[in-house]
Amino acid sequence: MVVQKKERKSIFKYFRERHGHSHIKSCWLTYLNHCAFAQVVIDKFAMYAGKRYKITIDGYEAFEELSKASDGFVQLSSHIGNYEIAGYSLVAKDKRLNALVFGGEKESVMKNREKMFGDKNIRMIAMQPDMSHVFLLNSALSDGEILSMPADRLFGSEKCFAIDFLGKEAHFPQGPFIMAAVRDVPMLFVTVMKSSARSYHIVIRKIVKPTESNTKESALAMAKDYVRNLECIVREYPKQWYNYFDFWA
């Protein structure tokens, strides 16, 4: 927090402008935000070492319904809370979960993930600069599997939807929503929020898909529903926002 001036300013601005807090309160919340981020990082490595947390789930029936169907579906994540914990709790017996992850992480982190998720029918797909990972994503949906991917940041492609979020327009990637619209597969909004020192709360919501619209309109409608769900969670857990850049730039 002390060293990374640019990142610190972006979080301060988030509390000051998007939540409307005073200067002093925004400073304090910026500090608490960094503490919360440190805790979820430590929790992540504690999980690699075998520690387990108390998990409560809201909306599990939506996941269960889609996991039992023959078709694949898309599970949307965000850079809030500690989404990786979902890999321990949302496991479908008959469907493999394909998780799209940042390809620039250290090899030790990737190996630990593979080790911990190896017996849970989860495959990690690393993002590649040449976008070759898209072929694996399409293949997963064709095989009726689950595809997990972030929907709050632009990676590779600059194609985006401009949607009002926390009172100001922000950009969200078109890719996940276009893919779901073209393949006509359902989508879930999934987030995992830290509720106490030893527990997490998972929230699952169905993304509403319009019945009569073209691909672009359908994708935009689903993106707006995703953003609506994201805003509800962020307002409830404002300190667990971990986008350390000017999200509304």
C-alpha atoms as a PDB file:
ATOM      1  CA  MET A   1       0.000   0.000   0.000  1.00  0.00           C
ATOM      2  CA  VAL A   2       2.839   2.394   0.867  1.00  0.00           C
ATOM      3  CA  VAL A   3       4.979   1.637  -2.179  1.00  0.00           C
ATOM      4  CA  GLN A   4       2.379   1.174  -4.916  1.00  0.00           C
ATOM      5  CA  LYS A   5       1.212   4.778  -5.211  1.00  0.00           C
ATOM      6  CA  LYS A   6      -0.772   4.350  -8.442  1.00  0.00           C
ATOM      7  CA  GLU A   7      -2.671   1.321  -7.148  1.00  0.00           C
ATOM      8  CA  ARG A   8      -3.354   3.023  -3.814  1.00  0.00           C
ATOM      9  CA  LYS A   9      -4.785   6.074  -5.559  1.00  0.00           C
ATOM     10  CA  SER A  10      -7.095   3.948  -7.697  1.00  0.00           C
ATOM     11  CA  ILE A  11      -8.641   2.295  -4.632  1.00  0.00           C
ATOM     12  CA  PHE A  12      -8.923   5.625  -2.796  1.00  0.00           C
ATOM     13  CA  LYS A  13     -10.697   7.065  -5.845  1.00  0.00           C
ATOM     14  CA  TYR A  14     -13.019   4.051  -5.914  1.00  0.00           C
ATOM     15  CA  PHE A  15     -14.171   4.710  -2.336  1.00  0.00           C
ATOM     16  CA  ARG A  16     -14.223   8.501  -2.720  1.00  0.00           C
ATOM     17  CA  GLU A  17     -16.045   8.782  -6.060  1.00  0.00           C
ATOM     18  CA  ARG A  18     -17.976   5.556  -6.528  1.00  0.00           C
ATOM     19  CA  HIS A  19     -19.181   5.156  -2.933  1.00  0.00           C
ATOM     20  CA  GLY A  20     -19.197   8.848  -2.017  1.00  0.00           C
ATOM     21  CA  HIS A  21     -17.231   8.570   1.233  1.00  0.00           C
ATOM     22  CA  SER A  22     -15.335  11.446   2.846  1.00  0.00           C
ATOM     23  CA  HIS A  23     -11.598  11.913   2.309  1.00  0.00           C
ATOM     24  CA  ILE A  24     -10.691  10.539   5.743  1.00  0.00           C
ATOM     25  CA  LYS A  25     -13.047   7.542   5.502  1.00  0.00           C
ATOM     26  CA  SER A  26     -11.784   6.752   1.988  1.00  0.00           C
ATOM     27  CA  CYS A  27      -8.197   6.690   3.319  1.00  0.00           C
ATOM     28  CA  TRP A  28      -9.198   4.311   6.096  1.00  0.00           C
ATOM     29  CA  LEU A  29     -11.152   2.046   3.732  1.00  0.00           C
ATOM     30  CA  THR A  30      -8.192   2.002   1.329  1.00  0.00           C
ATOM     31  CA  TYR A  31      -6.067   0.619   4.160  1.00  0.00           C
ATOM     32  CA  LEU A  32      -8.728  -1.973   5.063  1.00  0.00           C
ATOM     33  CA  ASN A  33      -9.003  -2.980   1.399  1.00  0.00           C
ATOM     34  CA  HIS A  34      -5.274  -3.776   1.282  1.00  0.00           C
ATOM     35  CA  CYS A  35      -5.585  -5.761   4.519  1.00  0.00           C
ATOM     36  CA  ALA A  36      -8.508  -7.737   3.084  1.00  0.00           C
ATOM     37  CA  PHE A  37      -6.574  -8.483  -0.102  1.00  0.00           C
ATOM     38  CA  ALA A  38      -3.613  -9.726   1.949  1.00  0.00           C
ATOM     39  CA  GLN A  39      -5.939 -12.023   3.883  1.00  0.00           C
ATOM     40  CA  VAL A  40      -7.438 -13.676   0.791  1.00  0.00           C
ATOM     41  CA  VAL A  41      -3.951 -14.210  -0.683  1.00  0.00           C
ATOM     42  CA  ILE A  42      -2.842 -15.880   2.566  1.00  0.00           C
ATOM     43  CA  ASP A  43      -6.061 -17.915   2.604  1.00  0.00           C
ATOM     44  CA  LYS A  44      -5.330 -19.085  -0.941  1.00  0.00           C
ATOM     45  CA  PHE A  45      -1.918 -20.438   0.027  1.00  0.00           C
ATOM     46  CA  ALA A  46      -3.347 -21.883   3.244  1.00  0.00           C
ATOM     47  CA  MET A  47      -5.750 -23.873   1.043  1.00  0.00           C
ATOM     48  CA  TYR A  48      -2.782 -25.181  -0.951  1.00  0.00           C
ATOM     49  CA  ALA A  49      -1.429 -26.458   2.387  1.00  0.00           C
ATOM     50  CA  GLY A  50      -4.691 -28.243   3.172  1.00  0.00           C
ATOM     51  CA  LYS A  51      -6.633 -25.751   5.310  1.00  0.00           C
ATOM     52  CA  ARG A  52     -10.390 -25.702   4.853  1.00  0.00           C
ATOM     53  CA  TYR A  53     -12.897 -22.945   5.558  1.00  0.00           C
ATOM     54  CA  LYS A  54     -16.564 -22.890   6.477  1.00  0.00           C
ATOM     55  CA  ILE A  55     -18.523 -22.333   3.266  1.00  0.00           C
ATOM     56  CA  THR A  56     -22.130 -21.159   2.929  1.00  0.00           C
ATOM     57  CA  ILE A  57     -23.806 -21.076  -0.492  1.00  0.00           C
ATOM     58  CA  ASP A  58     -26.699 -18.931  -1.692  1.00  0.00           C
ATOM     59  CA  GLY A  59     -28.277 -20.139  -4.945  1.00  0.00           C
ATOM     60  CA  TYR A  60     -26.699 -23.589  -5.187  1.00  0.00           C
ATOM     61  CA  GLU A  61     -29.839 -24.977  -6.870  1.00  0.00           C
ATOM     62  CA  ALA A  62     -29.024 -22.937 -10.007  1.00  0.00           C
ATOM     63  CA  PHE A  63     -25.578 -24.563 -10.263  1.00  0.00           C
ATOM     64  CA  GLU A  64     -26.971 -28.010  -9.503  1.00  0.00           C
ATOM     65  CA  GLU A  65     -29.633 -27.700 -12.215  1.00  0.00           C
ATOM     66  CA  LEU A  66     -27.128 -26.782 -14.931  1.00  0.00           C
ATOM     67  CA  SER A  67     -24.521 -29.311 -13.792  1.00  0.00           C
ATOM     68  CA  LYS A  68     -27.046 -32.131 -14.261  1.00  0.00           C
ATOM     69  CA  ALA A  69     -28.050 -30.989 -17.771  1.00  0.00           C
ATOM     70  CA  SER A  70     -26.347 -32.383 -20.868  1.00  0.00           C
ATOM     71  CA  ASP A  71     -25.277 -29.006 -22.266  1.00  0.00           C
ATOM     72  CA  GLY A  72     -22.310 -26.991 -21.106  1.00  0.00           C
ATOM     73  CA  PHE A  73     -22.561 -23.606 -19.418  1.00  0.00           C
ATOM     74  CA  VAL A  74     -20.453 -20.571 -18.567  1.00  0.00           C
ATOM     75  CA  GLN A  75     -19.619 -19.585 -15.003  1.00  0.00           C
ATOM     76  CA  LEU A  76     -18.608 -15.922 -14.697  1.00  0.00           C
ATOM     77  CA  SER A  77     -16.123 -14.749 -12.088  1.00  0.00           C
ATOM     78  CA  SER A  78     -14.874 -11.313 -11.006  1.00  0.00           C
ATOM     79  CA  HIS A  79     -11.838  -9.819  -9.288  1.00  0.00           C
ATOM     80  CA  ILE A  80     -13.573  -9.500  -5.949  1.00  0.00           C
ATOM     81  CA  GLY A  81     -13.551 -11.765  -2.890  1.00  0.00           C
ATOM     82  CA  ASN A  82     -11.686 -15.068  -3.278  1.00  0.00           C
ATOM     83  CA  TYR A  83     -13.187 -16.852  -6.273  1.00  0.00           C
ATOM     84  CA  GLU A  84     -10.641 -19.684  -6.247  1.00  0.00           C
ATOM     85  CA  ILE A  85     -12.387 -21.179  -3.207  1.00  0.00           C
ATOM     86  CA  ALA A  86     -15.299 -22.028  -5.521  1.00  0.00           C
ATOM     87  CA  GLY A  87     -13.084 -24.791  -6.903  1.00  0.00           C
ATOM     88  CA  TYR A  88     -13.384 -26.625  -3.585  1.00  0.00           C
ATOM     89  CA  SER A  89     -17.131 -26.210  -3.178  1.00  0.00           C
ATOM     90  CA  LEU A  90     -18.770 -26.091  -6.639  1.00  0.00           C
ATOM     91  CA  VAL A  91     -17.840 -29.474  -8.041  1.00  0.00           C
ATOM     92  CA  ALA A  92     -20.018 -31.253 -10.598  1.00  0.00           C
ATOM     93  CA  LYS A  93     -19.700 -35.042 -10.567  1.00  0.00           C
ATOM     94  CA  ASP A  94     -20.343 -35.476 -14.289  1.00  0.00           C
ATOM     95  CA  LYS A  95     -18.917 -32.251 -15.756  1.00  0.00           C
ATOM     96  CA  ARG A  96     -15.346 -31.044 -15.922  1.00  0.00           C
ATOM     97  CA  LEU A  97     -14.766 -27.447 -14.883  1.00  0.00           C
ATOM     98  CA  ASN A  98     -12.432 -25.572 -17.230  1.00  0.00           C
ATOM     99  CA  ALA A  99     -11.061 -22.495 -15.460  1.00  0.00           C
ATOM    100  CA  LEU A 100      -9.490 -19.706 -17.504  1.00  0.00           C
ATOM    101  CA  VAL A 101      -6.563 -18.277 -15.496  1.00  0.00           C
ATOM    102  CA  PHE A 102      -3.951 -15.569 -16.021  1.00  0.00           C
ATOM    103  CA  GLY A 103      -1.023 -17.117 -17.905  1.00  0.00           C
ATOM    104  CA  GLY A 104       1.624 -14.897 -16.306  1.00  0.00           C
ATOM    105  CA  GLU A 105       1.483 -16.369 -12.820  1.00  0.00           C
ATOM    106  CA  LYS A 106       4.494 -18.106 -11.346  1.00  0.00           C
ATOM    107  CA  GLU A 107       4.956 -21.767 -12.220  1.00  0.00           C
ATOM    108  CA  SER A 108       4.791 -22.727  -8.522  1.00  0.00           C
ATOM    109  CA  VAL A 109       1.287 -21.242  -8.237  1.00  0.00           C
ATOM    110  CA  MET A 110       0.084 -23.092 -11.326  1.00  0.00           C
ATOM    111  CA  LYS A 111       1.546 -26.382 -10.065  1.00  0.00           C
ATOM    112  CA  ASN A 112      -0.089 -25.959  -6.668  1.00  0.00           C
ATOM    113  CA  ARG A 113      -3.428 -25.308  -8.324  1.00  0.00           C
ATOM    114  CA  GLU A 114      -3.110 -28.445 -10.434  1.00  0.00           C
ATOM    115  CA  LYS A 115      -2.156 -30.472  -7.372  1.00  0.00           C
ATOM    116  CA  MET A 116      -5.044 -29.227  -5.210  1.00  0.00           C
ATOM    117  CA  PHE A 117      -7.665 -29.422  -7.979  1.00  0.00           C
ATOM    118  CA  GLY A 118      -6.374 -32.639  -9.549  1.00  0.00           C
ATOM    119  CA  ASP A 119      -8.976 -34.866  -7.881  1.00  0.00           C
ATOM    120  CA  LYS A 120     -11.842 -32.444  -8.422  1.00  0.00           C
ATOM    121  CA  ASN A 121     -12.246 -32.747 -12.200  1.00  0.00           C
ATOM    122  CA  ILE A 122     -10.882 -29.239 -12.842  1.00  0.00           C
ATOM    123  CA  ARG A 123      -8.653 -28.190 -15.727  1.00  0.00           C
ATOM    124  CA  MET A 124      -6.714 -24.930 -15.736  1.00  0.00           C
ATOM    125  CA  ILE A 125      -6.520 -23.111 -19.086  1.00  0.00           C
ATOM    126  CA  ALA A 126      -3.900 -20.347 -19.127  1.00  0.00           C
ATOM    127  CA  MET A 127      -4.544 -17.218 -21.184  1.00  0.00           C
ATOM    128  CA  GLN A 128      -2.133 -16.931 -24.114  1.00  0.00           C
ATOM    129  CA  PRO A 129      -1.013 -13.762 -25.949  1.00  0.00           C
ATOM    130  CA  ASP A 130      -1.922 -15.329 -29.306  1.00  0.00           C
ATOM    131  CA  MET A 131      -5.462 -16.093 -28.018  1.00  0.00           C
ATOM    132  CA  SER A 132      -4.956 -19.817 -28.685  1.00  0.00           C
ATOM    133  CA  HIS A 133      -6.753 -20.583 -25.421  1.00  0.00           C
ATOM    134  CA  VAL A 134     -10.031 -19.661 -27.163  1.00  0.00           C
ATOM    135  CA  PHE A 135      -9.968 -22.995 -29.035  1.00  0.00           C
ATOM    136  CA  LEU A 136      -9.871 -24.890 -25.710  1.00  0.00           C
ATOM    137  CA  LEU A 137     -12.727 -22.795 -24.365  1.00  0.00           C
ATOM    138  CA  ASN A 138     -14.916 -23.537 -27.386  1.00  0.00           C
ATOM    139  CA  SER A 139     -14.014 -27.212 -27.199  1.00  0.00           C
ATOM    140  CA  ALA A 140     -15.045 -27.364 -23.537  1.00  0.00           C
ATOM    141  CA  LEU A 141     -18.505 -25.975 -24.306  1.00  0.00           C
ATOM    142  CA  SER A 142     -18.879 -28.314 -27.298  1.00  0.00           C
ATOM    143  CA  ASP A 143     -18.186 -31.243 -24.974  1.00  0.00           C
ATOM    144  CA  GLY A 144     -20.903 -30.138 -22.551  1.00  0.00           C
ATOM    145  CA  GLU A 145     -18.467 -29.036 -19.855  1.00  0.00           C
ATOM    146  CA  ILE A 146     -18.375 -26.038 -17.513  1.00  0.00           C
ATOM    147  CA  LEU A 147     -16.368 -23.001 -18.544  1.00  0.00           C
ATOM    148  CA  SER A 148     -15.263 -20.589 -15.814  1.00  0.00           C
ATOM    149  CA  MET A 149     -13.902 -17.207 -16.895  1.00  0.00           C
ATOM    150  CA  PRO A 150     -13.568 -13.642 -15.571  1.00  0.00           C
ATOM    151  CA  ALA A 151     -15.972 -11.088 -17.036  1.00  0.00           C
ATOM    152  CA  ASP A 152     -14.776  -7.830 -15.491  1.00  0.00           C
ATOM    153  CA  ARG A 153     -11.470  -7.208 -17.326  1.00  0.00           C
ATOM    154  CA  LEU A 154     -10.332  -6.908 -20.932  1.00  0.00           C
ATOM    155  CA  PHE A 155      -7.749  -9.535 -21.945  1.00  0.00           C
ATOM    156  CA  GLY A 156      -6.263  -9.592 -25.441  1.00  0.00           C
ATOM    157  CA  SER A 157      -9.325  -8.347 -27.326  1.00  0.00           C
ATOM    158  CA  GLU A 158     -10.342  -4.717 -26.852  1.00  0.00           C
ATOM    159  CA  LYS A 159     -13.956  -5.357 -27.862  1.00  0.00           C
ATOM    160  CA  CYS A 160     -16.109  -4.275 -24.955  1.00  0.00           C
ATOM    161  CA  PHE A 161     -19.521  -3.153 -23.754  1.00  0.00           C
ATOM    162  CA  ALA A 162     -19.844   0.259 -22.075  1.00  0.00           C
ATOM    163  CA  ILE A 163     -22.214  -0.238 -19.128  1.00  0.00           C
ATOM    164  CA  ASP A 164     -23.111   1.955 -16.169  1.00  0.00           C
ATOM    165  CA  PHE A 165     -21.516   0.549 -13.011  1.00  0.00           C
ATOM    166  CA  LEU A 166     -21.639   2.231  -9.597  1.00  0.00           C
ATOM    167  CA  GLY A 167     -22.846   5.461 -11.164  1.00  0.00           C
ATOM    168  CA  LYS A 168     -20.354   5.773 -14.029  1.00  0.00           C
ATOM    169  CA  GLU A 169     -19.768   4.047 -17.361  1.00  0.00           C
ATOM    170  CA  ALA A 170     -17.186   1.237 -17.328  1.00  0.00           C
ATOM    171  CA  HIS A 171     -15.951  -1.219 -19.955  1.00  0.00           C
ATOM    172  CA  PHE A 172     -16.624  -4.957 -19.769  1.00  0.00           C
ATOM    173  CA  PRO A 173     -15.349  -7.602 -22.230  1.00  0.00           C
ATOM    174  CA  GLN A 174     -17.692  -8.803 -24.939  1.00  0.00           C
ATOM    175  CA  GLY A 175     -16.006 -12.196 -25.307  1.00  0.00           C
ATOM    176  CA  PRO A 176     -17.725 -14.277 -22.582  1.00  0.00           C
ATOM    177  CA  PHE A 177     -21.165 -12.972 -23.475  1.00  0.00           C
ATOM    178  CA  ILE A 178     -20.759 -13.264 -27.255  1.00  0.00           C
ATOM    179  CA  MET A 179     -19.526 -16.838 -26.806  1.00  0.00           C
ATOM    180  CA  ALA A 180     -22.560 -17.753 -24.692  1.00  0.00           C
ATOM    181  CA  ALA A 181     -24.958 -16.010 -27.085  1.00  0.00           C
ATOM    182  CA  VAL A 182     -23.524 -17.699 -30.191  1.00  0.00           C
ATOM    183  CA  ARG A 183     -23.553 -21.147 -28.583  1.00  0.00           C
ATOM    184  CA  ASP A 184     -26.865 -20.501 -26.817  1.00  0.00           C
ATOM    185  CA  VAL A 185     -25.587 -21.768 -23.469  1.00  0.00           C
ATOM    186  CA  PRO A 186     -26.703 -20.524 -20.029  1.00  0.00           C
ATOM    187  CA  MET A 187     -24.517 -18.390 -17.768  1.00  0.00           C
ATOM    188  CA  LEU A 188     -24.096 -18.127 -14.007  1.00  0.00           C
ATOM    189  CA  PHE A 189     -22.772 -15.235 -11.952  1.00  0.00           C
ATOM    190  CA  VAL A 190     -20.609 -16.727  -9.183  1.00  0.00           C
ATOM    191  CA  THR A 191     -18.667 -14.910  -6.494  1.00  0.00           C
ATOM    192  CA  VAL A 192     -17.018 -15.980  -3.235  1.00  0.00           C
ATOM    193  CA  MET A 193     -16.843 -13.341  -0.506  1.00  0.00           C
ATOM    194  CA  LYS A 194     -14.938 -13.524   2.774  1.00  0.00           C
ATOM    195  CA  SER A 195     -17.530 -13.272   5.557  1.00  0.00           C
ATOM    196  CA  SER A 196     -15.274 -13.825   8.581  1.00  0.00           C
ATOM    197  CA  ALA A 197     -11.753 -14.973   9.479  1.00  0.00           C
ATOM    198  CA  ARG A 198     -12.660 -18.618   8.905  1.00  0.00           C
ATOM    199  CA  SER A 199     -15.624 -18.553   6.558  1.00  0.00           C
ATOM    200  CA  TYR A 200     -16.665 -17.610   3.017  1.00  0.00           C
ATOM    201  CA  HIS A 201     -20.050 -16.987   1.409  1.00  0.00           C
ATOM    202  CA  ILE A 202     -20.704 -18.095  -2.179  1.00  0.00           C
ATOM    203  CA  VAL A 203     -23.376 -16.277  -4.183  1.00  0.00           C
ATOM    204  CA  ILE A 204     -24.754 -17.876  -7.367  1.00  0.00           C
ATOM    205  CA  ARG A 205     -27.199 -16.148  -9.693  1.00  0.00           C
ATOM    206  CA  LYS A 206     -28.572 -17.073 -13.120  1.00  0.00           C
ATOM    207  CA  ILE A 207     -27.775 -14.565 -15.852  1.00  0.00           C
ATOM    208  CA  VAL A 208     -31.013 -13.629 -17.614  1.00  0.00           C
ATOM    209  CA  LYS A 209     -30.920 -14.366 -21.343  1.00  0.00           C
ATOM    210  CA  PRO A 210     -33.477 -12.633 -23.612  1.00  0.00           C
ATOM    211  CA  THR A 211     -35.602 -14.969 -25.717  1.00  0.00           C
ATOM    212  CA  GLU A 212     -35.998 -12.838 -28.820  1.00  0.00           C
ATOM    213  CA  SER A 213     -32.938 -10.873 -29.955  1.00  0.00           C
ATOM    214  CA  ASN A 214     -29.908 -11.149 -32.211  1.00  0.00           C
ATOM    215  CA  THR A 215     -26.501 -12.279 -30.945  1.00  0.00           C
ATOM    216  CA  LYS A 216     -25.132  -8.804 -30.131  1.00  0.00           C
ATOM    217  CA  GLU A 217     -28.298  -7.672 -28.365  1.00  0.00           C
ATOM    218  CA  SER A 218     -28.492 -10.908 -26.397  1.00  0.00           C
ATOM    219  CA  ALA A 219     -24.835 -10.621 -25.361  1.00  0.00           C
ATOM    220  CA  LEU A 220     -25.318  -7.003 -24.247  1.00  0.00           C
ATOM    221  CA  ALA A 221     -28.412  -7.894 -22.208  1.00  0.00           C
ATOM    222  CA  MET A 222     -26.522 -10.685 -20.428  1.00  0.00           C
ATOM    223  CA  ALA A 223     -23.572  -8.374 -19.801  1.00  0.00           C
ATOM    224  CA  LYS A 224     -25.889  -5.809 -18.207  1.00  0.00           C
ATOM    225  CA  ASP A 225     -27.396  -8.488 -15.971  1.00  0.00           C
ATOM    226  CA  TYR A 226     -23.902  -9.588 -14.943  1.00  0.00           C
ATOM    227  CA  VAL A 227     -22.990  -5.992 -14.076  1.00  0.00           C
ATOM    228  CA  ARG A 228     -26.213  -5.596 -12.095  1.00  0.00           C
ATOM    229  CA  ASN A 229     -25.328  -8.645  -9.995  1.00  0.00           C
ATOM    230  CA  LEU A 230     -21.744  -7.469  -9.622  1.00  0.00           C
ATOM    231  CA  GLU A 231     -22.872  -4.056  -8.392  1.00  0.00           C
ATOM    232  CA  CYS A 232     -25.157  -5.626  -5.773  1.00  0.00           C
ATOM    233  CA  ILE A 233     -22.281  -7.673  -4.356  1.00  0.00           C
ATOM    234  CA  VAL A 234     -19.784  -4.798  -4.464  1.00  0.00           C
ATOM    235  CA  ARG A 235     -22.189  -2.543  -2.572  1.00  0.00           C
ATOM    236  CA  GLU A 236     -22.586  -5.258   0.070  1.00  0.00           C
ATOM    237  CA  TYR A 237     -18.823  -5.991   0.287  1.00  0.00           C
ATOM    238  CA  PRO A 238     -17.151  -2.724  -0.830  1.00  0.00           C
ATOM    239  CA  LYS A 239     -13.782  -3.484   0.832  1.00  0.00           C
ATOM    240  CA  GLN A 240     -13.352  -6.675  -1.230  1.00  0.00           C
ATOM    241  CA  TRP A 241     -12.875  -4.872  -4.562  1.00  0.00           C
ATOM    242  CA  TYR A 242      -9.478  -5.946  -5.942  1.00  0.00           C
ATOM    243  CA  ASN A 243      -9.072  -4.104  -9.237  1.00  0.00           C
ATOM    244  CA  TYR A 244      -5.962  -2.019  -8.544  1.00  0.00           C
ATOM    245  CA  PHE A 245      -6.253   0.343 -11.482  1.00  0.00           C
ATOM    246  CA  ASP A 246      -8.702   3.037 -12.578  1.00  0.00           C
ATOM    247  CA  PHE A 247     -11.565   0.750 -13.570  1.00  0.00           C
ATOM    248  CA  TRP A 248     -13.612   3.671 -14.929  1.00  0.00           C
ATOM    249  CA  ALA A 249     -10.822   5.291 -16.958  1.00  0.00           C
END
